[in-house]
Amino acid sequence: MIEQMLGNLNTYIDECDNNSVGTSGGNEQYLKEEMCRSVLSIVNEFDNITTKELNEMKDEVLSIKESVTSSIHKCTTLHNDLSQFHELVQKIGDNKELCLIASIKCKHIIQQALTLLGKSGKVFNVQQKSVHNVRIPCDSVTCDISGICVLPDGQVLVADIDNKRVKPLSQQYQVVSHWDVNAYPRAICLITPSEVAVAVNDHDSKIHEVQFITVNQGKLVSGRKFQLQHECRGIAHQNGDLFVTSGKELYKYSLNGKLICRLYQDRSGDLTGKNHGESILITCVLCTGICLAIVGKGV
């Protein structure tokens, strides 16, 4: 736009120069005034266009700011509601009636949060895949990887459930050592940059425990452990709390093994967390605490 105006101005000046040849002093004055008026007209037009564009940009910025402020307010409100529900769950314990009321109210809050967050628009594509054999000579059966954990330094640990072993891998995904478990390692999660927790379970032998392991330069050192009064099929760590699933219940423990509360119980299917035809239990960490949502028929 500016270049076009400058071009028009130069053309007009050239025309004025051509027309001014041989003219009298009065004509020269007239041409100067006419040229000044044209220049002012072009400048005013440019100012008007610039002002309009700036106003449009300002309106757009204000609109975005209002939208962001509104989203922050909604997120803060939902965060507070979910935090209150999390505290409430700890207090009511095994009271079935109160648990039912709380879960109904929380389901509505979770739905609001999911609506606000919307669907994820990011798609992850597999760039490369490779197959590695993690079987070692002392393994008696084919490896069955039931859990995997990656330390901050890149060290990978795998739980081999059928051989009852936890195996650290090298950067080339070769087994560098192993730690024998007294039962089946069902899952593994990170506790600190050098410590993991393993969910150990054997239904027939009635072994249900959480075993802590320290990783030191690829070597696994057995640490503390605590027993559970229920099956131990899965484990996760969040903000200093352990969340353990029995397959039908979800429990919250402290790191020293103290049972804080039972967060959820589902008797409608074989295993909680698996699709058993009627509903799916979704466990997700949202803002603070563990939030449970039941997605079933008509929900």
Protein backbone atom coordinates (compact mmCIF):
# COMPACT_ATOMS: atom_id res chain seq x y z
CA MET A 1 0.00 0.00 0.00
CA ILE A 2 2.77 2.46 0.96
CA GLU A 3 4.85 1.57 -2.09
CA GLN A 4 1.82 2.17 -4.31
CA MET A 5 1.24 5.59 -2.72
CA LEU A 6 4.90 6.55 -3.16
CA GLY A 7 4.73 5.47 -6.80
CA ASN A 8 1.63 7.60 -7.38
CA LEU A 9 3.31 10.53 -5.68
CA ASN A 10 6.44 10.24 -7.83
CA THR A 11 4.31 10.01 -10.97
CA TYR A 12 2.42 13.13 -9.97
CA ILE A 13 5.65 15.01 -9.26
CA ASP A 14 7.01 14.04 -12.67
CA GLU A 15 3.83 15.30 -14.32
CA CYS A 16 4.11 18.54 -12.41
CA ASP A 17 7.72 18.95 -13.52
CA ASN A 18 6.75 18.40 -17.15
CA ASN A 19 3.86 20.81 -16.97
CA SER A 20 5.89 23.46 -15.18
CA VAL A 21 8.32 23.96 -18.06
CA GLY A 22 7.86 27.46 -19.44
CA THR A 23 5.10 28.38 -16.95
CA SER A 24 4.83 31.66 -15.16
CA GLY A 25 5.51 32.22 -11.48
CA GLY A 26 1.78 32.07 -10.70
CA ASN A 27 1.43 28.64 -12.23
CA GLU A 28 4.44 27.40 -10.25
CA GLN A 29 2.82 28.51 -7.00
CA TYR A 30 -0.41 26.77 -7.96
CA LEU A 31 1.40 23.56 -8.78
CA LYS A 32 3.26 23.64 -5.45
CA GLU A 33 0.02 24.07 -3.53
CA GLU A 34 -1.65 21.31 -5.53
CA MET A 35 1.25 18.99 -4.84
CA CYS A 36 1.13 19.76 -1.12
CA ARG A 37 -2.58 18.98 -1.05
CA SER A 38 -1.95 15.66 -2.79
CA VAL A 39 0.83 14.77 -0.36
CA LEU A 40 -1.38 15.61 2.63
CA SER A 41 -4.20 13.54 1.15
CA ILE A 42 -1.91 10.53 0.76
CA VAL A 43 -0.53 10.93 4.29
CA ASN A 44 -4.05 11.21 5.77
CA GLU A 45 -5.17 8.13 3.87
CA PHE A 46 -2.18 6.20 5.20
CA ASP A 47 -2.89 7.38 8.77
CA ASN A 48 -6.52 6.27 8.48
CA ILE A 49 -5.54 2.82 7.23
CA THR A 50 -2.89 2.42 9.95
CA THR A 51 -5.29 3.53 12.68
CA LYS A 52 -7.94 1.08 11.47
CA GLU A 53 -5.51 -1.82 11.42
CA LEU A 54 -4.17 -0.94 14.87
CA ASN A 55 -7.70 -0.78 16.29
CA GLU A 56 -8.51 -4.18 14.77
CA MET A 57 -5.35 -5.65 16.29
CA LYS A 58 -6.16 -4.10 19.67
CA ASP A 59 -9.68 -5.55 19.59
CA GLU A 60 -8.31 -8.98 18.73
CA VAL A 61 -5.76 -8.84 21.57
CA LEU A 62 -8.46 -7.78 24.05
CA SER A 63 -10.70 -10.62 22.86
CA ILE A 64 -7.90 -13.17 23.33
CA LYS A 65 -7.06 -11.74 26.75
CA GLU A 66 -10.69 -12.01 27.87
CA SER A 67 -10.85 -15.61 26.62
CA VAL A 68 -7.64 -16.55 28.44
CA THR A 69 -8.82 -14.85 31.64
CA SER A 70 -12.12 -16.72 31.46
CA SER A 71 -10.33 -20.05 30.90
CA ILE A 72 -8.00 -19.41 33.84
CA HIS A 73 -10.98 -18.63 36.07
CA LYS A 74 -12.78 -21.83 35.00
CA CYS A 75 -9.64 -23.94 35.48
CA THR A 76 -9.04 -22.44 38.93
CA THR A 77 -12.63 -23.14 39.96
CA LEU A 78 -12.46 -26.75 38.73
CA HIS A 79 -9.06 -27.20 40.38
CA ASN A 80 -10.48 -26.08 43.72
CA ASP A 81 -13.55 -28.30 43.35
CA LEU A 82 -11.44 -31.36 42.52
CA SER A 83 -9.06 -30.63 45.40
CA GLN A 84 -12.01 -30.45 47.81
CA PHE A 85 -13.34 -33.75 46.46
CA HIS A 86 -9.90 -35.32 46.89
CA GLU A 87 -9.83 -34.25 50.56
CA LEU A 88 -13.40 -35.46 51.03
CA VAL A 89 -12.58 -38.94 49.68
CA GLN A 90 -9.82 -39.28 52.26
CA LYS A 91 -12.23 -38.44 55.08
CA ILE A 92 -15.19 -40.64 54.17
CA GLY A 93 -13.12 -43.82 53.82
CA ASP A 94 -15.28 -46.92 53.28
CA ASN A 95 -18.68 -45.29 53.86
CA LYS A 96 -20.53 -46.63 50.80
CA GLU A 97 -23.39 -44.14 50.91
CA LEU A 98 -21.11 -41.11 51.11
CA CYS A 99 -18.81 -42.59 48.45
CA LEU A 100 -21.77 -42.93 46.09
CA ILE A 101 -22.89 -39.33 46.64
CA ALA A 102 -19.34 -38.02 46.24
CA SER A 103 -18.73 -40.01 43.05
CA ILE A 104 -21.96 -38.68 41.48
CA LYS A 105 -21.00 -35.10 42.25
CA CYS A 106 -17.42 -35.60 41.13
CA LYS A 107 -18.54 -37.15 37.85
CA HIS A 108 -20.25 -33.86 36.95
CA ILE A 109 -17.15 -31.85 37.86
CA ILE A 110 -14.91 -34.15 35.83
CA GLN A 111 -17.22 -33.84 32.83
CA GLN A 112 -16.93 -30.05 33.10
CA ALA A 113 -13.14 -30.35 33.19
CA LEU A 114 -13.07 -32.64 30.15
CA THR A 115 -15.38 -30.27 28.27
CA LEU A 116 -13.14 -27.32 29.12
CA LEU A 117 -9.94 -29.12 28.16
CA GLY A 118 -11.46 -30.50 24.97
CA LYS A 119 -10.03 -33.26 22.85
CA SER A 120 -6.31 -33.47 22.28
CA GLY A 121 -5.48 -32.28 18.80
CA LYS A 122 -1.97 -33.70 18.84
CA VAL A 123 -1.31 -36.99 17.12
CA PHE A 124 1.83 -38.96 17.90
CA ASN A 125 3.29 -40.92 15.01
CA VAL A 126 5.70 -43.81 15.43
CA GLN A 127 8.99 -42.77 13.84
CA GLN A 128 10.92 -45.97 14.43
CA LYS A 129 10.41 -49.42 15.91
CA SER A 130 12.94 -52.05 16.85
CA VAL A 131 12.75 -55.47 18.50
CA HIS A 132 15.14 -56.49 21.28
CA ASN A 133 15.55 -59.80 23.04
CA VAL A 134 15.78 -59.35 26.82
CA ARG A 135 15.99 -63.03 27.65
CA ILE A 136 19.04 -64.14 29.64
CA PRO A 137 20.52 -67.67 29.97
CA CYS A 138 19.04 -68.27 33.42
CA ASP A 139 15.48 -67.50 32.28
CA SER A 140 13.36 -70.63 32.37
CA VAL A 141 10.55 -69.46 30.09
CA THR A 142 9.89 -66.90 27.37
CA CYS A 143 10.04 -63.32 28.61
CA ASP A 144 6.76 -61.53 29.27
CA ILE A 145 7.25 -57.81 29.92
CA SER A 146 4.53 -56.71 32.34
CA GLY A 147 5.97 -53.30 33.21
CA ILE A 148 8.54 -50.77 32.09
CA CYS A 149 10.08 -47.72 33.73
CA VAL A 150 12.57 -45.13 32.48
CA LEU A 151 14.80 -43.28 34.94
CA PRO A 152 15.65 -39.59 34.35
CA ASP A 153 19.16 -40.56 33.21
CA GLY A 154 17.69 -42.79 30.49
CA GLN A 155 18.16 -46.11 32.29
CA VAL A 156 15.38 -48.51 31.30
CA LEU A 157 13.99 -51.15 33.68
CA VAL A 158 11.63 -53.91 32.61
CA ALA A 159 9.58 -56.30 34.74
CA ASP A 160 9.62 -59.86 33.37
CA ILE A 161 6.57 -61.39 35.04
CA ASP A 162 6.94 -65.02 33.91
CA ASN A 163 10.60 -65.28 34.94
CA LYS A 164 9.96 -63.27 38.14
CA ARG A 165 12.75 -60.79 37.43
CA VAL A 166 13.39 -57.07 37.08
CA LYS A 167 16.01 -56.32 34.43
CA PRO A 168 17.93 -53.09 33.76
CA LEU A 169 18.88 -52.50 30.13
CA SER A 170 21.84 -50.78 28.52
CA GLN A 171 21.51 -48.00 25.95
CA GLN A 172 21.57 -50.77 23.34
CA TYR A 173 18.69 -52.49 25.23
CA GLN A 174 20.83 -55.38 26.38
CA VAL A 175 20.24 -56.84 29.85
CA VAL A 176 23.11 -55.73 32.13
CA SER A 177 21.95 -57.42 35.35
CA HIS A 178 18.80 -58.72 37.01
CA TRP A 179 16.99 -58.86 40.34
CA ASP A 180 15.00 -61.93 41.29
CA VAL A 181 11.54 -61.39 42.77
CA ASN A 182 9.86 -63.79 45.21
CA ALA A 183 6.60 -63.55 43.23
CA TYR A 184 5.29 -62.09 39.98
CA PRO A 185 6.32 -58.45 39.26
CA ARG A 186 3.10 -57.02 37.84
CA ALA A 187 4.08 -53.35 37.38
CA ILE A 188 6.83 -50.85 38.12
CA CYS A 189 6.90 -47.08 38.69
CA LEU A 190 9.42 -44.34 39.38
CA ILE A 191 9.73 -43.00 42.96
CA THR A 192 12.95 -40.95 42.85
CA PRO A 193 15.61 -40.52 40.14
CA SER A 194 17.31 -43.68 41.46
CA GLU A 195 14.48 -45.62 43.11
CA VAL A 196 11.52 -47.57 41.75
CA ALA A 197 8.60 -49.43 43.30
CA VAL A 198 7.51 -52.84 42.03
CA ALA A 199 4.02 -54.27 42.45
CA VAL A 200 4.61 -57.91 43.43
CA ASN A 201 1.75 -60.39 43.47
CA ASP A 202 1.09 -64.14 43.63
CA HIS A 203 -2.55 -65.04 44.11
CA ASP A 204 -1.95 -68.72 44.98
CA SER A 205 0.83 -68.00 47.49
CA LYS A 206 -1.05 -64.99 48.87
CA ILE A 207 1.92 -62.70 48.29
CA HIS A 208 0.84 -59.09 47.82
CA GLU A 209 3.53 -56.48 48.40
CA VAL A 210 5.27 -53.36 47.17
CA GLN A 211 9.03 -53.77 46.82
CA PHE A 212 11.37 -50.78 46.50
CA ILE A 213 14.57 -51.11 44.46
CA THR A 214 17.50 -48.71 44.21
CA VAL A 215 19.37 -48.47 40.92
CA ASN A 216 23.11 -47.81 41.17
CA GLN A 217 25.15 -47.83 37.95
CA GLY A 218 22.99 -50.54 36.42
CA LYS A 219 22.95 -52.63 39.59
CA LEU A 220 19.69 -53.27 41.44
CA VAL A 221 19.70 -53.15 45.23
CA SER A 222 16.70 -54.40 47.18
CA GLY A 223 15.29 -51.91 49.67
CA ARG A 224 12.29 -51.67 51.96
CA LYS A 225 8.97 -53.32 51.23
CA PHE A 226 5.50 -53.51 52.73
CA GLN A 227 2.73 -56.07 52.63
CA LEU A 228 -0.79 -55.49 51.35
CA GLN A 229 -4.05 -57.09 52.41
CA HIS A 230 -5.28 -57.28 48.83
CA GLU A 231 -4.07 -58.18 45.34
CA CYS A 232 -1.34 -55.94 43.92
CA ARG A 233 -1.71 -55.77 40.14
CA GLY A 234 -0.72 -52.20 39.27
CA ILE A 235 1.07 -49.25 40.82
CA ALA A 236 1.62 -45.53 40.17
CA HIS A 237 3.34 -42.72 42.06
CA GLN A 238 2.08 -39.14 42.22
CA ASN A 239 3.13 -36.31 44.55
CA GLY A 240 4.48 -38.59 47.27
CA ASP A 241 1.52 -40.99 47.23
CA LEU A 242 1.28 -44.53 45.89
CA PHE A 243 -1.81 -45.65 44.02
CA VAL A 244 -2.24 -49.42 43.92
CA THR A 245 -4.92 -51.38 42.11
CA SER A 246 -6.04 -54.86 43.09
CA GLY A 247 -7.84 -55.33 39.80
CA LYS A 248 -11.18 -54.38 41.31
CA GLU A 249 -10.25 -51.59 43.73
CA LEU A 250 -8.00 -48.56 43.67
CA TYR A 251 -6.15 -47.76 46.92
CA LYS A 252 -4.04 -44.84 48.05
CA TYR A 253 -0.96 -45.50 50.22
CA SER A 254 1.80 -43.41 51.72
CA LEU A 255 5.37 -44.27 50.74
CA ASN A 256 5.90 -45.97 54.12
CA GLY A 257 3.05 -48.39 53.45
CA LYS A 258 0.23 -46.77 55.40
CA LEU A 259 -3.18 -47.24 53.81
CA ILE A 260 -4.75 -43.80 53.41
CA CYS A 261 -8.02 -44.74 51.78
CA ARG A 262 -9.76 -46.82 49.16
CA LEU A 263 -10.54 -44.50 46.28
CA TYR A 264 -12.74 -46.75 44.21
CA GLN A 265 -14.31 -50.18 44.08
CA ASP A 266 -15.87 -51.90 41.07
CA ARG A 267 -17.54 -55.29 41.38
CA SER A 268 -19.28 -55.20 38.02
CA GLY A 269 -16.50 -56.87 36.05
CA ASP A 270 -13.45 -59.07 36.35
CA LEU A 271 -10.78 -56.41 36.51
CA THR A 272 -11.02 -52.70 37.17
CA GLY A 273 -9.36 -50.78 34.39
CA LYS A 274 -10.33 -53.31 31.72
CA ASN A 275 -13.27 -53.02 29.36
CA HIS A 276 -15.74 -55.65 30.51
CA GLY A 277 -18.61 -54.80 28.17
CA GLU A 278 -20.57 -52.44 30.39
CA SER A 279 -18.12 -49.78 31.47
CA ILE A 280 -14.53 -48.70 31.46
CA LEU A 281 -12.77 -47.27 34.48
CA ILE A 282 -10.59 -44.35 33.55
CA THR A 283 -7.97 -43.29 36.09
CA CYS A 284 -6.35 -39.96 35.36
CA VAL A 285 -4.32 -37.41 37.23
CA LEU A 286 -6.03 -34.05 36.76
CA CYS A 287 -4.74 -30.91 38.53
CA THR A 288 -4.33 -32.45 42.01
CA GLY A 289 -5.35 -35.85 43.25
CA ILE A 290 -6.66 -38.87 41.44
CA CYS A 291 -9.98 -38.39 39.69
CA LEU A 292 -12.13 -41.30 38.63
CA ALA A 293 -14.63 -41.19 35.82
CA ILE A 294 -16.89 -44.00 34.74
CA VAL A 295 -17.61 -44.09 31.04
CA GLY A 296 -20.41 -46.54 30.40
CA LYS A 297 -23.63 -46.97 28.50
CA GLY A 298 -25.52 -43.72 28.24
CA VAL A 299 -22.84 -41.75 30.12
